């Protein structure tokens, strides 16, 4: 019998997300599968459950208020974060999870099938080489490197009026002065991740001709 984790439920509520019983079960099952696969391949160094809930699940869900549109691309998704947790709580949105490491995408495909997430697809490539038939409303990355590199690699994947969202730790002041031509800072948001005693910021970028 599944018993929901009170830290997860309360933390999500602090982020403005009221998890259903099914969503809470899917999120914990995701961590269980991550633990199982970690015994065979190194997917993540975070192996203690309280840290997994905070740094994998709640950290991923902290960007929920800044999603819009129907199509979301998670660039450099790794073991599926933030893409998989966000897909669980956004069943009406379509998520593409991109990574250049095949073994991590195999885990994501396994988890998406097990958790019955028809809104998740994967793509094995590098962002700069990806030319999808349809671009994305939100292009998201977590710890993919400097903001200016993220824009160069993934800016072409964003629709007109869409947003690039870069999840960062400390306020990336130096990086913001190096944005490529054609892009500007729309906003920078301080993220308060429950139970996490570390700085988190979300850099929101748009094309320079767009009105804010």
Protein backbone atom coordinates (compact mmCIF):
# COMPACT_ATOMS: atom_id res chain seq x y z
CA UNK A 1 0.00 0.00 0.00
CA UNK A 2 1.36 3.40 -0.98
CA UNK A 3 1.91 5.90 1.83
CA UNK A 4 2.45 9.47 0.62
CA UNK A 5 5.52 11.31 1.83
CA UNK A 6 4.49 14.28 4.01
CA UNK A 7 7.63 16.23 3.08
CA UNK A 8 6.76 15.96 -0.59
CA UNK A 9 3.08 16.82 -0.11
CA UNK A 10 3.84 19.81 2.12
CA UNK A 11 6.73 21.02 -0.02
CA UNK A 12 4.64 20.90 -3.19
CA UNK A 13 1.86 22.80 -1.42
CA UNK A 14 4.36 25.52 -0.50
CA UNK A 15 5.10 25.81 -4.22
CA UNK A 16 1.39 26.17 -4.94
CA UNK A 17 0.96 22.62 -6.24
CA UNK A 18 -1.76 20.43 -4.72
CA UNK A 19 -0.63 16.94 -5.61
CA UNK A 20 -3.24 14.29 -6.24
CA UNK A 21 -2.70 10.90 -4.63
CA UNK A 22 -1.76 9.50 -8.03
CA UNK A 23 0.78 12.27 -8.70
CA UNK A 24 2.38 11.81 -5.27
CA UNK A 25 2.60 8.08 -5.91
CA UNK A 26 4.14 8.63 -9.35
CA UNK A 27 6.77 11.01 -7.96
CA UNK A 28 7.85 8.60 -5.21
CA UNK A 29 7.83 5.67 -7.65
CA UNK A 30 10.13 7.72 -9.88
CA UNK A 31 12.64 7.94 -7.04
CA UNK A 32 12.28 4.24 -6.32
CA UNK A 33 13.12 3.43 -9.94
CA UNK A 34 16.02 5.88 -9.86
CA UNK A 35 17.42 4.05 -6.82
CA UNK A 36 17.04 0.71 -8.58
CA UNK A 37 18.78 1.85 -11.77
CA UNK A 38 21.49 3.61 -9.80
CA UNK A 39 22.66 0.21 -8.60
CA UNK A 40 23.55 -0.66 -12.20
CA UNK A 41 24.56 2.70 -13.65
CA UNK A 42 25.49 6.06 -12.19
CA UNK A 43 22.52 8.29 -12.97
CA UNK A 44 22.77 10.64 -10.00
CA UNK A 45 24.98 11.19 -6.97
CA UNK A 46 21.99 12.13 -4.80
CA UNK A 47 20.98 8.86 -3.15
CA UNK A 48 19.43 9.72 0.22
CA UNK A 49 15.64 10.02 0.06
CA UNK A 50 15.21 13.39 1.87
CA UNK A 51 17.78 14.97 -0.46
CA UNK A 52 16.14 13.33 -3.48
CA UNK A 53 12.77 14.81 -2.56
CA UNK A 54 14.26 18.26 -2.11
CA UNK A 55 16.88 18.40 -4.86
CA UNK A 56 15.18 16.28 -7.51
CA UNK A 57 11.45 16.66 -7.00
CA UNK A 58 10.80 19.98 -5.28
CA UNK A 59 13.63 21.75 -7.09
CA UNK A 60 12.13 20.58 -10.39
CA UNK A 61 8.60 21.62 -9.41
CA UNK A 62 9.74 25.10 -8.32
CA UNK A 63 9.53 26.33 -11.94
CA UNK A 64 5.89 25.29 -12.34
CA UNK A 65 4.49 28.88 -12.14
CA UNK A 66 6.66 29.95 -15.08
CA UNK A 67 5.49 27.37 -17.60
CA UNK A 68 3.09 28.40 -20.33
CA UNK A 69 1.87 26.96 -23.59
CA UNK A 70 1.57 23.30 -24.48
CA UNK A 71 5.06 22.24 -25.54
CA UNK A 72 8.06 22.13 -23.17
CA UNK A 73 11.62 21.06 -24.01
CA UNK A 74 13.99 20.03 -21.20
CA UNK A 75 17.55 20.47 -22.52
CA UNK A 76 20.24 18.31 -20.92
CA UNK A 77 17.66 16.50 -18.86
CA UNK A 78 20.10 13.95 -17.37
CA UNK A 79 18.07 11.41 -15.43
CA UNK A 80 14.86 13.31 -16.23
CA UNK A 81 14.94 16.36 -14.01
CA UNK A 82 13.12 18.70 -14.12
CA UNK A 83 11.21 17.19 -17.06
CA UNK A 84 9.70 14.06 -15.48
CA UNK A 85 8.34 15.67 -12.27
CA UNK A 86 6.89 18.53 -14.32
CA UNK A 87 5.30 16.07 -16.76
CA UNK A 88 3.66 14.27 -13.85
CA UNK A 89 1.95 17.43 -12.56
CA UNK A 90 1.16 18.78 -16.07
CA UNK A 91 -0.60 15.92 -17.88
CA UNK A 92 -2.10 18.29 -20.46
CA UNK A 93 1.32 19.59 -21.59
CA UNK A 94 3.72 17.77 -23.91
CA UNK A 95 7.31 17.32 -22.72
CA UNK A 96 10.35 16.50 -24.83
CA UNK A 97 13.40 15.47 -22.79
CA UNK A 98 16.69 15.91 -24.63
CA UNK A 99 20.09 14.55 -23.70
CA UNK A 100 23.24 13.36 -25.44
CA UNK A 101 23.71 10.37 -23.10
CA UNK A 102 21.74 7.35 -24.28
CA UNK A 103 21.76 5.42 -20.99
CA UNK A 104 20.00 8.27 -19.20
CA UNK A 105 17.32 8.41 -21.88
CA UNK A 106 16.75 4.66 -21.49
CA UNK A 107 15.95 5.27 -17.83
CA UNK A 108 13.58 8.11 -18.75
CA UNK A 109 11.79 5.97 -21.33
CA UNK A 110 11.45 3.16 -18.77
CA UNK A 111 10.13 5.54 -16.10
CA UNK A 112 7.69 7.23 -18.49
CA UNK A 113 6.25 3.86 -19.52
CA UNK A 114 6.07 2.58 -15.94
CA UNK A 115 4.42 5.75 -14.66
CA UNK A 116 2.05 5.92 -17.64
CA UNK A 117 3.19 9.32 -18.91
CA UNK A 118 2.02 9.55 -22.54
CA UNK A 119 3.04 13.24 -22.55
CA UNK A 120 6.77 12.42 -22.39
CA UNK A 121 9.06 11.87 -25.37
CA UNK A 122 12.85 11.68 -25.53
CA UNK A 123 15.39 12.74 -28.11
CA UNK A 124 19.01 11.59 -28.21
CA UNK A 125 21.03 14.49 -29.58
CA UNK A 126 22.66 17.77 -28.66
CA UNK A 127 20.46 20.86 -28.55
CA UNK A 128 22.47 22.70 -31.19
CA UNK A 129 21.90 19.83 -33.63
CA UNK A 130 18.18 19.38 -32.94
CA UNK A 131 15.82 20.54 -35.68
CA UNK A 132 12.30 19.53 -34.64
CA UNK A 133 9.30 19.83 -36.95
CA UNK A 134 7.63 22.04 -34.34
CA UNK A 135 9.33 24.38 -31.90
CA UNK A 136 8.56 24.79 -28.19
CA UNK A 137 6.73 27.32 -26.01
CA UNK A 138 9.20 26.76 -23.17
CA UNK A 139 12.82 25.65 -23.50
CA UNK A 140 14.13 24.78 -20.06
CA UNK A 141 17.52 23.79 -18.67
CA UNK A 142 18.94 22.96 -15.27
CA UNK A 143 22.71 23.28 -14.76
CA UNK A 144 23.55 23.13 -18.46
CA UNK A 145 26.32 25.73 -18.23
CA UNK A 146 26.54 29.49 -18.73
CA UNK A 147 23.37 31.27 -19.79
CA UNK A 148 24.92 32.61 -22.98
CA UNK A 149 25.84 29.08 -24.09
CA UNK A 150 22.33 27.85 -23.37
CA UNK A 151 20.95 30.60 -25.62
CA UNK A 152 23.39 29.76 -28.42
CA UNK A 153 22.63 26.05 -28.19
CA UNK A 154 18.86 26.18 -27.73
CA UNK A 155 17.53 29.58 -28.78
CA UNK A 156 16.47 28.27 -32.20
CA UNK A 157 14.17 25.74 -30.51
CA UNK A 158 11.89 28.39 -29.00
CA UNK A 159 8.78 29.67 -30.79
CA UNK A 160 8.15 33.37 -31.27
CA UNK A 161 6.74 34.65 -27.99
CA UNK A 162 8.20 31.66 -26.15
CA UNK A 163 10.65 31.69 -23.27
CA UNK A 164 14.04 30.23 -22.47
CA UNK A 165 14.20 29.30 -18.78
CA UNK A 166 17.62 28.65 -17.21
CA UNK A 167 17.61 27.21 -13.68
CA UNK A 168 20.63 28.52 -11.78
CA UNK A 169 22.01 28.51 -8.26
CA UNK A 170 23.41 31.90 -7.27
CA UNK A 171 22.36 35.05 -9.09
CA UNK A 172 24.34 34.79 -12.36
CA UNK A 173 25.24 38.47 -12.69
CA UNK A 174 28.35 37.94 -14.83
CA UNK A 175 26.52 35.69 -17.27
CA UNK A 176 23.67 38.12 -17.85
CA UNK A 177 26.02 40.68 -19.38
CA UNK A 178 27.01 38.27 -22.13
CA UNK A 179 23.69 37.41 -23.77
CA UNK A 180 23.90 36.80 -27.53
CA UNK A 181 22.43 39.38 -29.88
CA UNK A 182 18.69 38.98 -30.37
CA UNK A 183 17.91 37.96 -26.79
CA UNK A 184 17.22 39.89 -23.60
CA UNK A 185 16.41 39.27 -19.95
CA UNK A 186 12.66 39.17 -19.41
CA UNK A 187 12.93 38.56 -15.65
CA UNK A 188 14.95 36.80 -13.02
CA UNK A 189 13.06 34.99 -10.30
CA UNK A 190 14.29 33.95 -6.87
CA UNK A 191 13.10 30.40 -6.31
CA UNK A 192 12.36 29.28 -2.78
CA UNK A 193 12.66 25.50 -2.75
CA UNK A 194 11.22 24.03 0.47
CA UNK A 195 13.83 22.51 2.81
CA UNK A 196 16.70 23.62 0.55
CA UNK A 197 19.26 25.87 2.20
CA UNK A 198 20.83 26.95 -1.10
CA UNK A 199 20.20 29.80 -3.50
CA UNK A 200 18.10 29.12 -6.57
CA UNK A 201 17.27 31.54 -9.39
CA UNK A 202 15.36 31.20 -12.64
CA UNK A 203 16.57 33.28 -15.58
CA UNK A 204 13.73 34.03 -18.01
CA UNK A 205 14.79 35.14 -21.49
CA UNK A 206 12.89 36.32 -24.54
CA UNK A 207 13.75 37.66 -27.96
CA UNK A 208 14.92 41.26 -27.81
CA UNK A 209 12.14 42.64 -30.04
CA UNK A 210 9.33 41.31 -27.82
CA UNK A 211 7.45 43.49 -25.40
CA UNK A 212 7.54 42.41 -21.78
